[in-house]
Amino acid sequence: MAQSVRGPRERMVFSAAQLIRREGVAATGMREVAAHAEAPRGSLRHYFPGGKEQLVNEAVAWAGRYAGKRVARFLAALDEPTPGGLFAEMVRQWTDEYETAGFAGGCPVAAATVDCAESTASTRAAAAAAFAGWTGPVAEALTDMGVPEERAGALATLMISALEGAILMARAERDVRALTTVARELGPLLDAAVREAD
């Protein structure tokens, strides 16, 4: 959905997520969010009476939902879905971005966790819920591909943890090496979980 189709509230949540993924929570101001969203500055108080904390939490929640919904799109891109193929698609989203647009952006959920997990309980909780909202669809997809249910959650956690770590390393190194490495090394392990189930 194009940003212009969203209403002012949705644009501000989306813009907050985009700014947080590039600058972090501390450097993302309410005025910058309103300007990025092309929304009236006065509407911030109206839509977010809880101030920046509420806006950040909603941006984090949006990012978790977005990541969870992407799982179905990644699977649809595969001729024959496999756990390793799913993970490769998850990684490819980031390698494509970094190779075409540079290394400016990361995951807004990770950024909010780094910036606020110790200082803002509601943001820590929002980040935990966002990760759960992403891990659940990944685990469900793994189960649908034949991974035993008792392993699917753990492997989904492994996939997301490896991806998030590789994103951080890629941004620091300005190189996709870490991303391509985790895809190559984890793919066989993930696929073996299906073979073991057989």
N, C-alpha and C. Protein backbone atom coordinates (compact mmCIF):
# COMPACT_ATOMS: atom_id res chain seq x y z
N MET A 1 0.85 -1.18 0.00
CA MET A 1 0.00 0.00 0.00
C MET A 1 0.89 1.23 0.00
N ALA A 2 0.63 2.14 -0.88
CA ALA A 2 1.42 3.37 -0.96
C ALA A 2 1.14 4.25 0.25
N GLN A 3 2.16 4.98 0.67
CA GLN A 3 2.01 5.82 1.85
C GLN A 3 0.89 6.82 1.68
N SER A 4 0.69 7.36 0.47
CA SER A 4 -0.32 8.39 0.26
C SER A 4 -1.74 7.86 0.47
N VAL A 5 -1.94 6.55 0.39
CA VAL A 5 -3.27 5.97 0.58
C VAL A 5 -3.62 5.87 2.07
N ARG A 6 -2.62 5.83 2.91
CA ARG A 6 -2.85 5.72 4.35
C ARG A 6 -3.37 7.05 4.90
N GLY A 7 -4.15 6.94 5.99
CA GLY A 7 -4.58 8.13 6.70
C GLY A 7 -3.43 8.70 7.51
N PRO A 8 -3.62 9.89 8.12
CA PRO A 8 -2.51 10.53 8.83
C PRO A 8 -1.96 9.68 9.98
N ARG A 9 -2.83 9.00 10.72
CA ARG A 9 -2.36 8.19 11.83
C ARG A 9 -1.49 7.05 11.34
N GLU A 10 -1.96 6.34 10.31
CA GLU A 10 -1.21 5.22 9.76
C GLU A 10 0.11 5.68 9.16
N ARG A 11 0.07 6.86 8.51
CA ARG A 11 1.31 7.40 7.92
C ARG A 11 2.33 7.70 9.01
N MET A 12 1.86 8.22 10.15
CA MET A 12 2.79 8.54 11.23
C MET A 12 3.40 7.28 11.84
N VAL A 13 2.61 6.23 12.01
CA VAL A 13 3.14 4.97 12.53
C VAL A 13 4.17 4.40 11.56
N PHE A 14 3.81 4.38 10.27
CA PHE A 14 4.73 3.88 9.25
C PHE A 14 6.00 4.72 9.22
N SER A 15 5.86 6.04 9.24
CA SER A 15 7.03 6.92 9.21
C SER A 15 7.91 6.72 10.44
N ALA A 16 7.29 6.56 11.59
CA ALA A 16 8.08 6.31 12.80
C ALA A 16 8.89 5.04 12.65
N ALA A 17 8.29 3.99 12.11
CA ALA A 17 9.02 2.74 11.91
C ALA A 17 10.19 2.95 10.95
N GLN A 18 9.97 3.72 9.88
CA GLN A 18 11.03 3.95 8.90
C GLN A 18 12.17 4.77 9.51
N LEU A 19 11.84 5.78 10.29
CA LEU A 19 12.88 6.60 10.91
C LEU A 19 13.62 5.84 12.00
N ILE A 20 12.90 5.06 12.79
CA ILE A 20 13.53 4.27 13.85
C ILE A 20 14.50 3.26 13.24
N ARG A 21 14.12 2.64 12.12
CA ARG A 21 15.00 1.63 11.52
C ARG A 21 16.29 2.25 10.98
N ARG A 22 16.28 3.55 10.71
CA ARG A 22 17.48 4.23 10.21
C ARG A 22 18.26 4.95 11.31
N GLU A 23 17.52 5.59 12.22
CA GLU A 23 18.17 6.49 13.18
C GLU A 23 18.12 6.01 14.63
N GLY A 24 17.26 5.01 14.93
CA GLY A 24 17.06 4.61 16.31
C GLY A 24 15.97 5.44 16.96
N VAL A 25 15.56 5.03 18.14
CA VAL A 25 14.47 5.72 18.84
C VAL A 25 14.90 7.10 19.32
N ALA A 26 16.06 7.18 19.95
CA ALA A 26 16.49 8.44 20.55
C ALA A 26 16.58 9.56 19.51
N ALA A 27 17.04 9.24 18.31
CA ALA A 27 17.22 10.27 17.28
C ALA A 27 15.97 10.53 16.46
N THR A 28 14.90 9.80 16.72
CA THR A 28 13.65 9.99 15.99
C THR A 28 12.73 10.89 16.81
N GLY A 29 12.55 12.11 16.35
CA GLY A 29 11.71 13.06 17.05
C GLY A 29 10.30 13.09 16.48
N MET A 30 9.39 13.55 17.28
CA MET A 30 7.99 13.64 16.86
C MET A 30 7.84 14.58 15.66
N ARG A 31 8.56 15.69 15.65
CA ARG A 31 8.47 16.62 14.52
C ARG A 31 8.94 15.96 13.22
N GLU A 32 10.03 15.18 13.33
CA GLU A 32 10.55 14.49 12.15
C GLU A 32 9.54 13.47 11.62
N VAL A 33 8.87 12.80 12.55
CA VAL A 33 7.85 11.82 12.15
C VAL A 33 6.72 12.52 11.40
N ALA A 34 6.23 13.62 11.95
CA ALA A 34 5.14 14.36 11.31
C ALA A 34 5.57 14.85 9.92
N ALA A 35 6.79 15.36 9.81
CA ALA A 35 7.27 15.85 8.52
C ALA A 35 7.40 14.70 7.52
N HIS A 36 7.97 13.59 7.94
CA HIS A 36 8.15 12.42 7.07
C HIS A 36 6.79 11.90 6.60
N ALA A 37 5.82 11.93 7.50
CA ALA A 37 4.47 11.43 7.19
C ALA A 37 3.63 12.44 6.44
N GLU A 38 4.14 13.66 6.29
CA GLU A 38 3.38 14.75 5.68
C GLU A 38 2.03 14.90 6.38
N ALA A 39 2.11 14.91 7.71
CA ALA A 39 0.91 15.03 8.55
C ALA A 39 1.02 16.32 9.38
N PRO A 40 -0.11 16.91 9.71
CA PRO A 40 -0.06 18.11 10.55
C PRO A 40 0.56 17.79 11.91
N ARG A 41 1.50 18.63 12.34
CA ARG A 41 2.18 18.37 13.60
C ARG A 41 1.20 18.30 14.77
N GLY A 42 0.16 19.11 14.72
CA GLY A 42 -0.83 19.11 15.80
C GLY A 42 -1.58 17.80 15.93
N SER A 43 -1.57 17.01 14.86
CA SER A 43 -2.30 15.74 14.92
C SER A 43 -1.59 14.69 15.77
N LEU A 44 -0.31 14.91 16.07
CA LEU A 44 0.42 13.95 16.90
C LEU A 44 -0.24 13.77 18.26
N ARG A 45 -0.56 14.88 18.91
CA ARG A 45 -1.23 14.80 20.23
C ARG A 45 -2.59 14.13 20.13
N HIS A 46 -3.27 14.43 19.04
CA HIS A 46 -4.61 13.86 18.86
C HIS A 46 -4.54 12.35 18.73
N TYR A 47 -3.65 11.87 17.86
CA TYR A 47 -3.57 10.44 17.59
C TYR A 47 -2.74 9.67 18.61
N PHE A 48 -1.80 10.35 19.25
CA PHE A 48 -0.90 9.69 20.19
C PHE A 48 -0.84 10.46 21.50
N PRO A 49 -1.94 10.38 22.28
CA PRO A 49 -1.96 11.12 23.55
C PRO A 49 -0.88 10.64 24.52
N GLY A 50 -0.38 9.43 24.31
CA GLY A 50 0.72 8.91 25.13
C GLY A 50 2.08 9.38 24.67
N GLY A 51 2.12 10.28 23.69
CA GLY A 51 3.36 10.87 23.24
C GLY A 51 4.25 9.92 22.46
N LYS A 52 5.54 10.20 22.51
CA LYS A 52 6.51 9.45 21.73
C LYS A 52 6.52 7.97 22.10
N GLU A 53 6.36 7.68 23.37
CA GLU A 53 6.36 6.28 23.80
C GLU A 53 5.25 5.49 23.11
N GLN A 54 4.07 6.05 23.05
CA GLN A 54 2.96 5.38 22.37
C GLN A 54 3.25 5.20 20.89
N LEU A 55 3.77 6.26 20.25
CA LEU A 55 4.08 6.19 18.82
C LEU A 55 5.15 5.13 18.54
N VAL A 56 6.19 5.10 19.35
CA VAL A 56 7.24 4.09 19.18
C VAL A 56 6.67 2.69 19.34
N ASN A 57 5.87 2.50 20.36
CA ASN A 57 5.29 1.18 20.60
C ASN A 57 4.40 0.74 19.44
N GLU A 58 3.65 1.67 18.88
CA GLU A 58 2.80 1.32 17.75
C GLU A 58 3.62 1.05 16.49
N ALA A 59 4.72 1.78 16.32
CA ALA A 59 5.60 1.53 15.18
C ALA A 59 6.25 0.15 15.31
N VAL A 60 6.64 -0.22 16.50
CA VAL A 60 7.23 -1.54 16.76
C VAL A 60 6.19 -2.63 16.49
N ALA A 61 4.98 -2.42 16.96
CA ALA A 61 3.91 -3.40 16.71
C ALA A 61 3.64 -3.54 15.22
N TRP A 62 3.61 -2.41 14.50
CA TRP A 62 3.42 -2.45 13.05
C TRP A 62 4.51 -3.28 12.39
N ALA A 63 5.77 -3.05 12.80
CA ALA A 63 6.89 -3.76 12.20
C ALA A 63 6.79 -5.27 12.46
N GLY A 64 6.34 -5.66 13.64
CA GLY A 64 6.16 -7.08 13.93
C GLY A 64 5.09 -7.70 13.06
N ARG A 65 3.98 -6.99 12.89
CA ARG A 65 2.91 -7.49 12.02
C ARG A 65 3.39 -7.59 10.57
N TYR A 66 4.12 -6.58 10.13
CA TYR A 66 4.64 -6.56 8.76
C TYR A 66 5.55 -7.77 8.53
N ALA A 67 6.46 -8.01 9.45
CA ALA A 67 7.39 -9.15 9.31
C ALA A 67 6.63 -10.47 9.30
N GLY A 68 5.63 -10.59 10.17
CA GLY A 68 4.83 -11.81 10.20
C GLY A 68 4.08 -12.05 8.90
N LYS A 69 3.55 -10.99 8.32
CA LYS A 69 2.81 -11.11 7.05
C LYS A 69 3.73 -11.43 5.88
N ARG A 70 4.97 -11.00 5.95
CA ARG A 70 5.92 -11.26 4.87
C ARG A 70 6.21 -12.75 4.69
N VAL A 71 6.03 -13.53 5.74
CA VAL A 71 6.32 -14.97 5.66
C VAL A 71 5.52 -15.61 4.53
N ALA A 72 4.23 -15.29 4.42
CA ALA A 72 3.41 -15.86 3.36
C ALA A 72 3.92 -15.44 1.99
N ARG A 73 4.38 -14.20 1.85
CA ARG A 73 4.91 -13.72 0.57
C ARG A 73 6.20 -14.45 0.20
N PHE A 74 7.04 -14.67 1.21
CA PHE A 74 8.30 -15.39 0.95
C PHE A 74 8.00 -16.81 0.47
N LEU A 75 7.04 -17.46 1.12
CA LEU A 75 6.68 -18.82 0.72
C LEU A 75 6.12 -18.84 -0.70
N ALA A 76 5.31 -17.85 -1.03
CA ALA A 76 4.71 -17.78 -2.37
C ALA A 76 5.76 -17.61 -3.45
N ALA A 77 6.91 -17.05 -3.11
CA ALA A 77 7.99 -16.83 -4.08
C ALA A 77 8.75 -18.12 -4.38
N LEU A 78 8.52 -19.17 -3.59
CA LEU A 78 9.26 -20.42 -3.75
C LEU A 78 8.46 -21.42 -4.57
N ASP A 79 9.09 -22.02 -5.58
CA ASP A 79 8.41 -23.06 -6.36
C ASP A 79 8.10 -24.27 -5.48
N GLU A 80 9.07 -24.62 -4.66
CA GLU A 80 8.91 -25.75 -3.74
C GLU A 80 9.39 -25.30 -2.36
N PRO A 81 8.46 -24.90 -1.49
CA PRO A 81 8.87 -24.36 -0.18
C PRO A 81 9.64 -25.37 0.66
N THR A 82 10.76 -24.91 1.18
CA THR A 82 11.57 -25.66 2.14
C THR A 82 11.95 -24.71 3.26
N PRO A 83 12.29 -25.22 4.43
CA PRO A 83 12.73 -24.32 5.51
C PRO A 83 13.94 -23.48 5.11
N GLY A 84 14.92 -24.11 4.46
CA GLY A 84 16.09 -23.36 4.01
C GLY A 84 15.74 -22.33 2.96
N GLY A 85 14.80 -22.67 2.08
CA GLY A 85 14.35 -21.72 1.07
C GLY A 85 13.64 -20.53 1.69
N LEU A 86 12.82 -20.79 2.70
CA LEU A 86 12.14 -19.69 3.41
C LEU A 86 13.17 -18.76 4.04
N PHE A 87 14.15 -19.35 4.71
CA PHE A 87 15.17 -18.52 5.35
C PHE A 87 15.96 -17.74 4.31
N ALA A 88 16.27 -18.36 3.19
CA ALA A 88 16.99 -17.65 2.13
C ALA A 88 16.19 -16.45 1.62
N GLU A 89 14.87 -16.60 1.52
CA GLU A 89 14.02 -15.48 1.10
C GLU A 89 14.00 -14.38 2.15
N MET A 90 13.95 -14.76 3.42
CA MET A 90 13.99 -13.77 4.50
C MET A 90 15.28 -12.97 4.43
N VAL A 91 16.38 -13.65 4.17
CA VAL A 91 17.69 -13.00 4.07
C VAL A 91 17.76 -12.15 2.80
N ARG A 92 17.22 -12.68 1.70
CA ARG A 92 17.31 -11.98 0.42
C ARG A 92 16.64 -10.60 0.47
N GLN A 93 15.57 -10.48 1.25
CA GLN A 93 14.94 -9.17 1.40
C GLN A 93 15.97 -8.14 1.83
N TRP A 94 16.84 -8.51 2.75
CA TRP A 94 17.84 -7.58 3.28
C TRP A 94 19.02 -7.42 2.34
N THR A 95 19.49 -8.52 1.75
CA THR A 95 20.62 -8.36 0.82
C THR A 95 20.21 -7.50 -0.37
N ASP A 96 18.99 -7.69 -0.85
CA ASP A 96 18.51 -6.85 -1.96
C ASP A 96 18.48 -5.37 -1.56
N GLU A 97 17.95 -5.10 -0.37
CA GLU A 97 17.90 -3.70 0.08
C GLU A 97 19.29 -3.12 0.20
N TYR A 98 20.18 -3.84 0.83
CA TYR A 98 21.52 -3.30 1.06
C TYR A 98 22.30 -3.14 -0.24
N GLU A 99 22.11 -4.04 -1.18
CA GLU A 99 22.83 -3.93 -2.44
C GLU A 99 22.28 -2.83 -3.34
N THR A 100 21.00 -2.48 -3.18
CA THR A 100 20.42 -1.44 -4.04
C THR A 100 20.33 -0.07 -3.35
N ALA A 101 20.09 -0.06 -2.04
CA ALA A 101 19.84 1.22 -1.36
C ALA A 101 20.88 1.58 -0.30
N GLY A 102 21.83 0.72 -0.06
CA GLY A 102 22.81 0.99 0.98
C GLY A 102 22.39 0.39 2.32
N PHE A 103 23.21 0.64 3.31
CA PHE A 103 23.09 -0.03 4.60
C PHE A 103 22.48 0.86 5.69
N ALA A 104 21.70 1.84 5.30
CA ALA A 104 21.18 2.81 6.27
C ALA A 104 20.13 2.22 7.20
N GLY A 105 19.33 1.26 6.73
CA GLY A 105 18.20 0.78 7.52
C GLY A 105 18.43 -0.57 8.15
N GLY A 106 17.82 -0.76 9.29
CA GLY A 106 17.82 -2.04 9.98
C GLY A 106 16.40 -2.38 10.39
N CYS A 107 16.27 -3.25 11.34
CA CYS A 107 14.96 -3.65 11.83
C CYS A 107 14.50 -2.68 12.92
N PRO A 108 13.31 -2.08 12.78
CA PRO A 108 12.87 -1.14 13.81
C PRO A 108 12.61 -1.80 15.15
N VAL A 109 12.26 -3.08 15.15
CA VAL A 109 12.04 -3.79 16.42
C VAL A 109 13.36 -3.94 17.15
N ALA A 110 14.40 -4.32 16.43
CA ALA A 110 15.72 -4.44 17.04
C ALA A 110 16.21 -3.08 17.55
N ALA A 111 16.01 -2.04 16.74
CA ALA A 111 16.45 -0.70 17.15
C ALA A 111 15.76 -0.25 18.43
N ALA A 112 14.46 -0.48 18.50
CA ALA A 112 13.72 -0.09 19.71
C ALA A 112 14.16 -0.92 20.91
N THR A 113 14.47 -2.18 20.69
CA THR A 113 14.94 -3.04 21.78
C THR A 113 16.27 -2.52 22.32
N VAL A 114 17.19 -2.21 21.42
CA VAL A 114 18.50 -1.71 21.83
C VAL A 114 18.35 -0.38 22.58
N ASP A 115 17.52 0.51 22.06
CA ASP A 115 17.40 1.84 22.65
C ASP A 115 16.57 1.89 23.93
N CYS A 116 15.55 1.01 24.04
CA CYS A 116 14.55 1.23 25.09
C CYS A 116 14.28 0.05 26.02
N ALA A 117 14.83 -1.11 25.77
CA ALA A 117 14.43 -2.30 26.53
C ALA A 117 14.62 -2.14 28.03
N GLU A 118 15.66 -1.45 28.44
CA GLU A 118 15.92 -1.29 29.87
C GLU A 118 15.22 -0.07 30.46
N SER A 119 14.95 0.92 29.62
CA SER A 119 14.43 2.18 30.16
C SER A 119 12.92 2.31 30.04
N THR A 120 12.30 1.61 29.12
CA THR A 120 10.87 1.80 28.88
C THR A 120 10.20 0.43 28.82
N ALA A 121 9.51 0.06 29.90
CA ALA A 121 8.92 -1.28 30.00
C ALA A 121 7.89 -1.53 28.89
N SER A 122 7.11 -0.50 28.53
CA SER A 122 6.09 -0.72 27.52
C SER A 122 6.71 -0.98 26.15
N THR A 123 7.83 -0.35 25.85
CA THR A 123 8.50 -0.59 24.57
C THR A 123 9.16 -1.96 24.57
N ARG A 124 9.74 -2.37 25.69
CA ARG A 124 10.28 -3.72 25.78
C ARG A 124 9.20 -4.74 25.52
N ALA A 125 8.03 -4.53 26.13
CA ALA A 125 6.90 -5.45 25.93
C ALA A 125 6.41 -5.42 24.49
N ALA A 126 6.37 -4.24 23.88
CA ALA A 126 5.96 -4.12 22.47
C ALA A 126 6.94 -4.86 21.57
N ALA A 127 8.23 -4.75 21.86
CA ALA A 127 9.24 -5.44 21.06
C ALA A 127 9.13 -6.95 21.23
N ALA A 128 8.93 -7.41 22.45
CA ALA A 128 8.77 -8.85 22.69
C ALA A 128 7.55 -9.37 21.94
N ALA A 129 6.45 -8.62 21.98
CA ALA A 129 5.24 -9.03 21.27
C ALA A 129 5.47 -9.02 19.75
N ALA A 130 6.23 -8.04 19.26
CA ALA A 130 6.51 -7.98 17.82
C ALA A 130 7.34 -9.18 17.39
N PHE A 131 8.34 -9.54 18.17
CA PHE A 131 9.13 -10.72 17.83
C PHE A 131 8.27 -11.98 17.87
N ALA A 132 7.38 -12.07 18.84
CA ALA A 132 6.47 -13.22 18.91
C ALA A 132 5.54 -13.25 17.70
N GLY A 133 5.08 -12.07 17.28
CA GLY A 133 4.20 -11.99 16.11
C GLY A 133 4.90 -12.33 14.81
N TRP A 134 6.20 -12.35 14.81
CA TRP A 134 7.00 -12.74 13.65
C TRP A 134 7.38 -14.21 13.77
N THR A 135 7.78 -14.62 14.96
CA THR A 135 8.21 -16.00 15.18
C THR A 135 7.06 -16.98 14.94
N GLY A 136 5.85 -16.61 15.35
CA GLY A 136 4.70 -17.50 15.19
C GLY A 136 4.46 -17.91 13.75
N PRO A 137 4.35 -16.97 12.80
CA PRO A 137 4.16 -17.36 11.40
C PRO A 137 5.32 -18.17 10.82
N VAL A 138 6.55 -17.86 11.25
CA VAL A 138 7.69 -18.65 10.77
C VAL A 138 7.57 -20.08 11.28
N ALA A 139 7.26 -20.24 12.56
CA ALA A 139 7.12 -21.59 13.13
C ALA A 139 5.98 -22.35 12.46
N GLU A 140 4.88 -21.67 12.20
CA GLU A 140 3.74 -22.30 11.52
C GLU A 140 4.13 -22.75 10.12
N ALA A 141 4.88 -21.92 9.41
CA ALA A 141 5.33 -22.28 8.07
C ALA A 141 6.24 -23.50 8.13
N LEU A 142 7.12 -23.54 9.11
CA LEU A 142 8.02 -24.69 9.25
C LEU A 142 7.22 -25.97 9.51
N THR A 143 6.24 -25.88 10.37
CA THR A 143 5.39 -27.04 10.66
C THR A 143 4.68 -27.50 9.39
N ASP A 144 4.16 -26.55 8.63
CA ASP A 144 3.47 -26.89 7.38
C ASP A 144 4.40 -27.58 6.38
N MET A 145 5.70 -27.31 6.48
CA MET A 145 6.68 -27.93 5.58
C MET A 145 7.20 -29.26 6.12
N GLY A 146 6.70 -29.69 7.27
CA GLY A 146 7.09 -30.99 7.79
C GLY A 146 8.04 -30.98 8.97
N VAL A 147 8.40 -29.80 9.49
CA VAL A 147 9.23 -29.74 10.69
C VAL A 147 8.35 -30.13 11.87
N PRO A 148 8.82 -31.02 12.74
CA PRO A 148 8.02 -31.39 13.91
C PRO A 148 7.64 -30.15 14.74
N GLU A 149 6.42 -30.14 15.19
CA GLU A 149 5.91 -28.98 15.93
C GLU A 149 6.79 -28.63 17.13
N GLU A 150 7.32 -29.64 17.79
CA GLU A 150 8.14 -29.38 18.99
C GLU A 150 9.48 -28.71 18.65
N ARG A 151 9.90 -28.74 17.38
CA ARG A 151 11.14 -28.07 16.96
C ARG A 151 10.87 -26.77 16.23
N ALA A 152 9.69 -26.59 15.69
CA ALA A 152 9.42 -25.45 14.82
C ALA A 152 9.64 -24.12 15.53
N GLY A 153 9.17 -23.99 16.75
CA GLY A 153 9.35 -22.73 17.48
C GLY A 153 10.81 -22.41 17.74
N ALA A 154 11.57 -23.42 18.12
CA ALA A 154 13.00 -23.21 18.37
C ALA A 154 13.74 -22.83 17.09
N LEU A 155 13.40 -23.50 15.99
CA LEU A 155 14.07 -23.17 14.73
C LEU A 155 13.65 -21.79 14.21
N ALA A 156 12.40 -21.41 14.44
CA ALA A 156 11.96 -20.06 14.06
C ALA A 156 12.74 -19.01 14.85
N THR A 157 12.94 -19.26 16.13
CA THR A 157 13.75 -18.36 16.96
C THR A 157 15.18 -18.29 16.44
N LEU A 158 15.74 -19.44 16.08
CA LEU A 158 17.09 -19.47 15.54
C LEU A 158 17.18 -18.66 14.24
N MET A 159 16.20 -18.83 13.37
CA MET A 159 16.21 -18.11 12.09
C MET A 159 16.17 -16.60 12.30
N ILE A 160 15.25 -16.15 13.15
CA ILE A 160 15.10 -14.71 13.36
C ILE A 160 16.30 -14.14 14.10
N SER A 161 16.82 -14.88 15.07
CA SER A 161 18.01 -14.42 15.80
C SER A 161 19.21 -14.31 14.87
N ALA A 162 19.41 -15.31 14.01
CA ALA A 162 20.53 -15.28 13.07
C ALA A 162 20.36 -14.14 12.08
N LEU A 163 19.15 -13.94 11.61
CA LEU A 163 18.90 -12.85 10.66
C LEU A 163 19.17 -11.50 11.30
N GLU A 164 18.65 -11.28 12.50
CA GLU A 164 18.85 -9.99 13.18
C GLU A 164 20.33 -9.73 13.45
N GLY A 165 21.05 -10.75 13.88
CA GLY A 165 22.48 -10.58 14.11
C GLY A 165 23.23 -10.27 12.82
N ALA A 166 22.86 -10.96 11.75
CA ALA A 166 23.51 -10.73 10.46
C ALA A 166 23.20 -9.33 9.92
N ILE A 167 21.99 -8.84 10.18
CA ILE A 167 21.64 -7.47 9.77
C ILE A 167 22.56 -6.48 10.47
N LEU A 168 22.76 -6.65 11.77
CA LEU A 168 23.64 -5.75 12.52
C LEU A 168 25.06 -5.80 11.98
N MET A 169 25.56 -7.02 11.74
CA MET A 169 26.91 -7.15 11.22
C MET A 169 27.03 -6.54 9.82
N ALA A 170 26.04 -6.76 8.98
CA ALA A 170 26.07 -6.21 7.63
C ALA A 170 26.13 -4.68 7.67
N ARG A 171 25.35 -4.09 8.55
CA ARG A 171 25.36 -2.62 8.65
C ARG A 171 26.71 -2.12 9.16
N ALA A 172 27.28 -2.83 10.13
CA ALA A 172 28.57 -2.41 10.67
C ALA A 172 29.68 -2.57 9.63
N GLU A 173 29.65 -3.68 8.90
CA GLU A 173 30.71 -3.98 7.93
C GLU A 173 30.47 -3.33 6.57
N ARG A 174 29.23 -2.84 6.34
CA ARG A 174 28.84 -2.33 5.02
C ARG A 174 29.09 -3.39 3.96
N ASP A 175 28.64 -4.61 4.30
CA ASP A 175 28.85 -5.76 3.42
C ASP A 175 27.78 -6.79 3.76
N VAL A 176 27.29 -7.50 2.74
CA VAL A 176 26.25 -8.51 2.96
C VAL A 176 26.81 -9.88 3.36
N ARG A 177 28.11 -9.96 3.59
CA ARG A 177 28.77 -11.21 3.91
C ARG A 177 28.08 -11.98 5.03
N ALA A 178 27.76 -11.33 6.12
CA ALA A 178 27.14 -12.02 7.25
C ALA A 178 25.78 -12.60 6.87
N LEU A 179 25.03 -11.86 6.06
CA LEU A 179 23.72 -12.33 5.62
C LEU A 179 23.84 -13.56 4.72
N THR A 180 24.72 -13.50 3.75
CA THR A 180 24.86 -14.66 2.86
C THR A 180 25.43 -15.85 3.61
N THR A 181 26.27 -15.61 4.61
CA THR A 181 26.83 -16.70 5.40
C THR A 181 25.75 -17.41 6.20
N VAL A 182 24.88 -16.66 6.89
CA VAL A 182 23.86 -17.35 7.70
C VAL A 182 22.89 -18.11 6.82
N ALA A 183 22.57 -17.57 5.64
CA ALA A 183 21.66 -18.30 4.75
C ALA A 183 22.30 -19.60 4.28
N ARG A 184 23.55 -19.54 3.91
CA ARG A 184 24.25 -20.73 3.42
C ARG A 184 24.43 -21.78 4.52
N GLU A 185 24.78 -21.34 5.71
CA GLU A 185 25.09 -22.29 6.79
C GLU A 185 23.85 -22.84 7.48
N LEU A 186 22.81 -22.03 7.62
CA LEU A 186 21.61 -22.51 8.31
C LEU A 186 20.67 -23.29 7.40
N GLY A 187 20.70 -23.03 6.10
CA GLY A 187 19.80 -23.71 5.18
C GLY A 187 19.80 -25.22 5.33
N PRO A 188 20.96 -25.89 5.26
CA PRO A 188 20.98 -27.35 5.39
C PRO A 188 20.48 -27.84 6.76
N LEU A 189 20.80 -27.11 7.81
CA LEU A 189 20.34 -27.48 9.15
C LEU A 189 18.80 -27.43 9.20
N LEU A 190 18.24 -26.37 8.64
CA LEU A 190 16.78 -26.22 8.66
C LEU A 190 16.11 -27.32 7.82
N ASP A 191 16.67 -27.59 6.65
CA ASP A 191 16.09 -28.63 5.79
C ASP A 191 16.21 -30.01 6.42
N ALA A 192 17.30 -30.22 7.18
CA ALA A 192 17.48 -31.53 7.83
C ALA A 192 16.40 -31.80 8.86
N ALA A 193 15.79 -30.77 9.41
CA ALA A 193 14.71 -30.97 10.40
C ALA A 193 13.51 -31.66 9.76
N VAL A 194 13.31 -31.44 8.47
CA VAL A 194 12.21 -32.11 7.75
C VAL A 194 12.59 -33.55 7.49
N ARG A 195 13.83 -33.79 7.05
CA ARG A 195 14.26 -35.15 6.76
C ARG A 195 14.26 -36.01 8.02
N GLU A 196 14.66 -35.41 9.15
CA GLU A 196 14.65 -36.15 10.42
C GLU A 196 13.24 -36.56 10.81
N ALA A 197 12.27 -35.69 10.48
CA ALA A 197 10.88 -35.99 10.82
C ALA A 197 10.38 -37.17 9.99
N ASP A 198 10.88 -37.31 8.75
CA ASP A 198 10.48 -38.42 7.89
C ASP A 198 11.10 -39.71 8.40
